[in-house]
Amino acid sequence: MPRTVATNTAVDLAGLLDFVRPRHQMVLMTTRADGRPQASPVTGGVDEAGRIVVSSYPERAKVFNARRRSTASVLVLSDDFGGAWVQVDGEIEVIDAPDSVEPLVDYFRSISGEHPDWAEYRQAMLDQDKSLLRVTPARWSPIATGGFPARLVD
């Protein structure tokens, strides 16, 4: 089986967002009170302002951590686990209900498109007391793929 070469492709913000938009499998990394990382597998999207958005509940660890320390990292994965990925670092903010409802509509649209009943969706977000986390990209790694160093590929 032929070996593949690992790649690292530097991109600007527009290139980063183009890469992230179709990918919704992510790992959100926040910081626990003791300074150690806390990772959460999440479904995420990109809002119209270019922020990575994640839906959650106010009592989840990632929300507590985001309130305490306003920085986070997001590892954006391809649907194929062996596919390309990127790490994005930035400021994180928490928006709670009822202020989260319209941003949650945008979140849903960024991942799934139109909902069959937006009134029902909005009410469900209120009933569930949903929060929205937004990460504004400040820096990011190159878009990477796994593989061998070029010197080892035949």
C-alpha atoms as a PDB file:
ATOM      1  CA  MET A   1       0.000   0.000   0.000  1.00  0.00           C
ATOM      2  CA  PRO A   2       1.476   3.377  -0.945  1.00  0.00           C
ATOM      3  CA  ARG A   3       2.343   5.790   1.823  1.00  0.00           C
ATOM      4  CA  THR A   4       0.769   9.242   1.842  1.00  0.00           C
ATOM      5  CA  VAL A   5       2.609  12.429   2.709  1.00  0.00           C
ATOM      6  CA  ALA A   6       1.376  14.442   5.688  1.00  0.00           C
ATOM      7  CA  THR A   7       0.355  17.964   4.699  1.00  0.00           C
ATOM      8  CA  ASN A   8       0.117  21.352   6.400  1.00  0.00           C
ATOM      9  CA  THR A   9      -1.631  24.062   4.418  1.00  0.00           C
ATOM     10  CA  ALA A  10      -1.547  27.609   5.802  1.00  0.00           C
ATOM     11  CA  VAL A  11      -4.748  29.561   5.112  1.00  0.00           C
ATOM     12  CA  ASP A  12      -6.077  33.039   5.799  1.00  0.00           C
ATOM     13  CA  LEU A  13      -9.307  33.617   7.738  1.00  0.00           C
ATOM     14  CA  ALA A  14     -11.483  33.237   4.638  1.00  0.00           C
ATOM     15  CA  GLY A  15      -9.767  29.934   3.811  1.00  0.00           C
ATOM     16  CA  LEU A  16     -10.195  28.752   7.392  1.00  0.00           C
ATOM     17  CA  LEU A  17     -13.917  29.509   7.398  1.00  0.00           C
ATOM     18  CA  ASP A  18     -14.357  27.845   3.995  1.00  0.00           C
ATOM     19  CA  PHE A  19     -12.731  24.735   5.484  1.00  0.00           C
ATOM     20  CA  VAL A  20     -14.789  24.788   8.709  1.00  0.00           C
ATOM     21  CA  ARG A  21     -18.281  25.547   7.291  1.00  0.00           C
ATOM     22  CA  PRO A  22     -19.043  22.069   5.880  1.00  0.00           C
ATOM     23  CA  ARG A  23     -17.501  20.280   8.874  1.00  0.00           C
ATOM     24  CA  HIS A  24     -19.635  19.926  11.992  1.00  0.00           C
ATOM     25  CA  GLN A  25     -17.734  17.355  14.088  1.00  0.00           C
ATOM     26  CA  MET A  26     -15.589  19.247  16.553  1.00  0.00           C
ATOM     27  CA  VAL A  27     -13.880  18.995  19.913  1.00  0.00           C
ATOM     28  CA  LEU A  28     -14.273  22.106  22.071  1.00  0.00           C
ATOM     29  CA  MET A  29     -11.447  22.572  24.552  1.00  0.00           C
ATOM     30  CA  THR A  30     -11.910  24.833  27.559  1.00  0.00           C
ATOM     31  CA  THR A  31      -9.915  25.152  30.771  1.00  0.00           C
ATOM     32  CA  ARG A  32     -10.972  23.688  34.118  1.00  0.00           C
ATOM     33  CA  ALA A  33     -10.639  25.674  37.343  1.00  0.00           C
ATOM     34  CA  ASP A  34      -7.394  23.820  38.127  1.00  0.00           C
ATOM     35  CA  GLY A  35      -5.887  24.865  34.774  1.00  0.00           C
ATOM     36  CA  ARG A  36      -6.129  21.481  33.078  1.00  0.00           C
ATOM     37  CA  PRO A  37      -7.895  21.120  29.714  1.00  0.00           C
ATOM     38  CA  GLN A  38     -11.462  19.885  29.391  1.00  0.00           C
ATOM     39  CA  ALA A  39     -12.472  18.486  25.989  1.00  0.00           C
ATOM     40  CA  SER A  40     -16.050  18.078  24.769  1.00  0.00           C
ATOM     41  CA  PRO A  41     -17.092  16.452  21.507  1.00  0.00           C
ATOM     42  CA  VAL A  42     -19.637  18.848  19.969  1.00  0.00           C
ATOM     43  CA  THR A  43     -21.566  19.629  16.818  1.00  0.00           C
ATOM     44  CA  GLY A  44     -20.667  23.078  15.575  1.00  0.00           C
ATOM     45  CA  GLY A  45     -21.193  25.531  12.777  1.00  0.00           C
ATOM     46  CA  VAL A  46     -20.032  28.941  11.580  1.00  0.00           C
ATOM     47  CA  ASP A  47     -22.292  31.969  12.027  1.00  0.00           C
ATOM     48  CA  GLU A  48     -22.572  34.898   9.617  1.00  0.00           C
ATOM     49  CA  ALA A  49     -19.918  36.817  11.582  1.00  0.00           C
ATOM     50  CA  GLY A  50     -17.370  34.017  11.096  1.00  0.00           C
ATOM     51  CA  ARG A  51     -17.541  32.651  14.653  1.00  0.00           C
ATOM     52  CA  ILE A  52     -17.630  28.949  15.473  1.00  0.00           C
ATOM     53  CA  VAL A  53     -20.923  28.283  17.252  1.00  0.00           C
ATOM     54  CA  VAL A  54     -21.894  25.423  19.567  1.00  0.00           C
ATOM     55  CA  SER A  55     -25.174  24.757  21.357  1.00  0.00           C
ATOM     56  CA  SER A  56     -25.102  23.669  25.003  1.00  0.00           C
ATOM     57  CA  TYR A  57     -26.824  23.890  28.377  1.00  0.00           C
ATOM     58  CA  PRO A  58     -25.896  26.317  31.172  1.00  0.00           C
ATOM     59  CA  GLU A  59     -24.980  23.519  33.585  1.00  0.00           C
ATOM     60  CA  ARG A  60     -22.431  21.820  31.309  1.00  0.00           C
ATOM     61  CA  ALA A  61     -18.720  21.934  32.176  1.00  0.00           C
ATOM     62  CA  LYS A  62     -17.782  23.687  28.932  1.00  0.00           C
ATOM     63  CA  VAL A  63     -20.183  26.533  29.775  1.00  0.00           C
ATOM     64  CA  PHE A  64     -18.866  26.899  33.341  1.00  0.00           C
ATOM     65  CA  ASN A  65     -15.319  26.925  31.991  1.00  0.00           C
ATOM     66  CA  ALA A  66     -16.136  29.480  29.274  1.00  0.00           C
ATOM     67  CA  ARG A  67     -17.662  31.817  31.878  1.00  0.00           C
ATOM     68  CA  ARG A  68     -14.558  31.548  34.054  1.00  0.00           C
ATOM     69  CA  ARG A  69     -11.942  31.908  31.310  1.00  0.00           C
ATOM     70  CA  SER A  70     -12.868  33.471  28.017  1.00  0.00           C
ATOM     71  CA  THR A  71     -10.455  31.543  25.798  1.00  0.00           C
ATOM     72  CA  ALA A  72     -11.009  28.213  24.100  1.00  0.00           C
ATOM     73  CA  SER A  73      -9.755  26.005  21.297  1.00  0.00           C
ATOM     74  CA  VAL A  74     -11.781  24.054  18.775  1.00  0.00           C
ATOM     75  CA  LEU A  75     -10.459  21.040  16.909  1.00  0.00           C
ATOM     76  CA  VAL A  76     -12.439  20.798  13.671  1.00  0.00           C
ATOM     77  CA  LEU A  77     -12.460  17.294  12.198  1.00  0.00           C
ATOM     78  CA  SER A  78     -13.449  15.951   8.791  1.00  0.00           C
ATOM     79  CA  ASP A  79     -16.262  13.401   8.550  1.00  0.00           C
ATOM     80  CA  ASP A  80     -13.568  10.850   7.731  1.00  0.00           C
ATOM     81  CA  PHE A  81     -11.550  10.605  10.946  1.00  0.00           C
ATOM     82  CA  GLY A  82      -8.370  10.323   8.889  1.00  0.00           C
ATOM     83  CA  GLY A  83      -9.242  13.434   6.876  1.00  0.00           C
ATOM     84  CA  ALA A  84      -8.024  16.988   7.189  1.00  0.00           C
ATOM     85  CA  TRP A  85      -8.355  18.910  10.447  1.00  0.00           C
ATOM     86  CA  VAL A  86      -7.538  22.286  11.980  1.00  0.00           C
ATOM     87  CA  GLN A  87      -7.233  23.740  15.481  1.00  0.00           C
ATOM     88  CA  VAL A  88      -8.755  27.170  16.047  1.00  0.00           C
ATOM     89  CA  ASP A  89      -7.991  29.277  19.144  1.00  0.00           C
ATOM     90  CA  GLY A  90      -9.961  32.306  20.230  1.00  0.00           C
ATOM     91  CA  GLU A  91     -12.177  34.176  22.621  1.00  0.00           C
ATOM     92  CA  ILE A  92     -15.312  32.326  23.731  1.00  0.00           C
ATOM     93  CA  GLU A  93     -18.556  33.905  24.846  1.00  0.00           C
ATOM     94  CA  VAL A  94     -21.707  32.412  26.342  1.00  0.00           C
ATOM     95  CA  ILE A  95     -25.177  33.598  25.397  1.00  0.00           C
ATOM     96  CA  ASP A  96     -28.016  32.357  27.603  1.00  0.00           C
ATOM     97  CA  ALA A  97     -31.759  32.130  27.010  1.00  0.00           C
ATOM     98  CA  PRO A  98     -33.751  34.091  26.097  1.00  0.00           C
ATOM     99  CA  ASP A  99     -31.001  36.032  24.265  1.00  0.00           C
ATOM    100  CA  SER A 100     -29.674  32.791  22.759  1.00  0.00           C
ATOM    101  CA  VAL A 101     -32.820  31.936  20.786  1.00  0.00           C
ATOM    102  CA  GLU A 102     -32.140  33.879  17.583  1.00  0.00           C
ATOM    103  CA  PRO A 103     -28.421  32.979  17.561  1.00  0.00           C
ATOM    104  CA  LEU A 104     -29.518  29.336  18.000  1.00  0.00           C
ATOM    105  CA  VAL A 105     -31.706  29.720  14.896  1.00  0.00           C
ATOM    106  CA  ASP A 106     -28.579  30.838  13.003  1.00  0.00           C
ATOM    107  CA  TYR A 107     -26.645  27.914  14.545  1.00  0.00           C
ATOM    108  CA  PHE A 108     -29.271  25.439  13.313  1.00  0.00           C
ATOM    109  CA  ARG A 109     -29.254  26.972   9.841  1.00  0.00           C
ATOM    110  CA  SER A 110     -25.451  26.773   9.628  1.00  0.00           C
ATOM    111  CA  ILE A 111     -25.581  23.030  10.235  1.00  0.00           C
ATOM    112  CA  SER A 112     -28.925  21.754   8.948  1.00  0.00           C
ATOM    113  CA  GLY A 113     -30.542  24.468   6.841  1.00  0.00           C
ATOM    114  CA  GLU A 114     -34.176  25.382   7.349  1.00  0.00           C
ATOM    115  CA  HIS A 115     -36.322  23.957  10.136  1.00  0.00           C
ATOM    116  CA  PRO A 116     -39.871  22.852   9.273  1.00  0.00           C
ATOM    117  CA  ASP A 117     -41.352  24.891  12.153  1.00  0.00           C
ATOM    118  CA  TRP A 118     -39.271  27.785  13.463  1.00  0.00           C
ATOM    119  CA  ALA A 119     -41.836  28.723  16.133  1.00  0.00           C
ATOM    120  CA  GLU A 120     -41.633  25.189  17.529  1.00  0.00           C
ATOM    121  CA  TYR A 121     -37.815  25.306  17.435  1.00  0.00           C
ATOM    122  CA  ARG A 122     -37.673  28.673  19.203  1.00  0.00           C
ATOM    123  CA  GLN A 123     -40.026  27.429  21.918  1.00  0.00           C
ATOM    124  CA  ALA A 124     -37.982  24.255  22.373  1.00  0.00           C
ATOM    125  CA  MET A 125     -34.808  26.328  22.834  1.00  0.00           C
ATOM    126  CA  LEU A 126     -36.572  28.382  25.526  1.00  0.00           C
ATOM    127  CA  ASP A 127     -38.085  25.301  27.189  1.00  0.00           C
ATOM    128  CA  GLN A 128     -34.663  23.611  27.260  1.00  0.00           C
ATOM    129  CA  ASP A 129     -32.954  26.815  28.481  1.00  0.00           C
ATOM    130  CA  LYS A 130     -30.313  26.388  25.771  1.00  0.00           C
ATOM    131  CA  SER A 131     -27.125  28.421  25.670  1.00  0.00           C
ATOM    132  CA  LEU A 132     -24.936  29.229  22.691  1.00  0.00           C
ATOM    133  CA  LEU A 133     -21.142  29.323  22.767  1.00  0.00           C
ATOM    134  CA  ARG A 134     -19.344  31.463  20.181  1.00  0.00           C
ATOM    135  CA  VAL A 135     -15.620  31.248  19.492  1.00  0.00           C
ATOM    136  CA  THR A 136     -14.097  34.119  17.535  1.00  0.00           C
ATOM    137  CA  PRO A 137     -11.051  32.803  15.653  1.00  0.00           C
ATOM    138  CA  ALA A 138      -7.877  34.627  16.729  1.00  0.00           C
ATOM    139  CA  ARG A 139      -5.286  32.136  15.476  1.00  0.00           C
ATOM    140  CA  TRP A 140      -5.307  28.718  13.882  1.00  0.00           C
ATOM    141  CA  SER A 141      -3.005  25.961  12.815  1.00  0.00           C
ATOM    142  CA  PRO A 142      -2.421  25.044   9.212  1.00  0.00           C
ATOM    143  CA  ILE A 143      -5.063  22.697   7.812  1.00  0.00           C
ATOM    144  CA  ALA A 144      -3.392  19.335   8.293  1.00  0.00           C
ATOM    145  CA  THR A 145      -3.633  15.769   7.085  1.00  0.00           C
ATOM    146  CA  GLY A 146      -1.940  12.762   8.595  1.00  0.00           C
ATOM    147  CA  GLY A 147       0.656  10.671   6.894  1.00  0.00           C
ATOM    148  CA  PHE A 148       4.354  10.160   6.674  1.00  0.00           C
ATOM    149  CA  PRO A 149       7.082  12.812   6.431  1.00  0.00           C
ATOM    150  CA  ALA A 150       7.916  13.329   2.739  1.00  0.00           C
ATOM    151  CA  ARG A 151      11.389  11.818   3.270  1.00  0.00           C
ATOM    152  CA  LEU A 152       9.778   8.435   4.050  1.00  0.00           C
ATOM    153  CA  VAL A 153       7.439   8.238   1.066  1.00  0.00           C
ATOM    154  CA  ASP A 154       8.603   6.211  -1.922  1.00  0.00           C
END
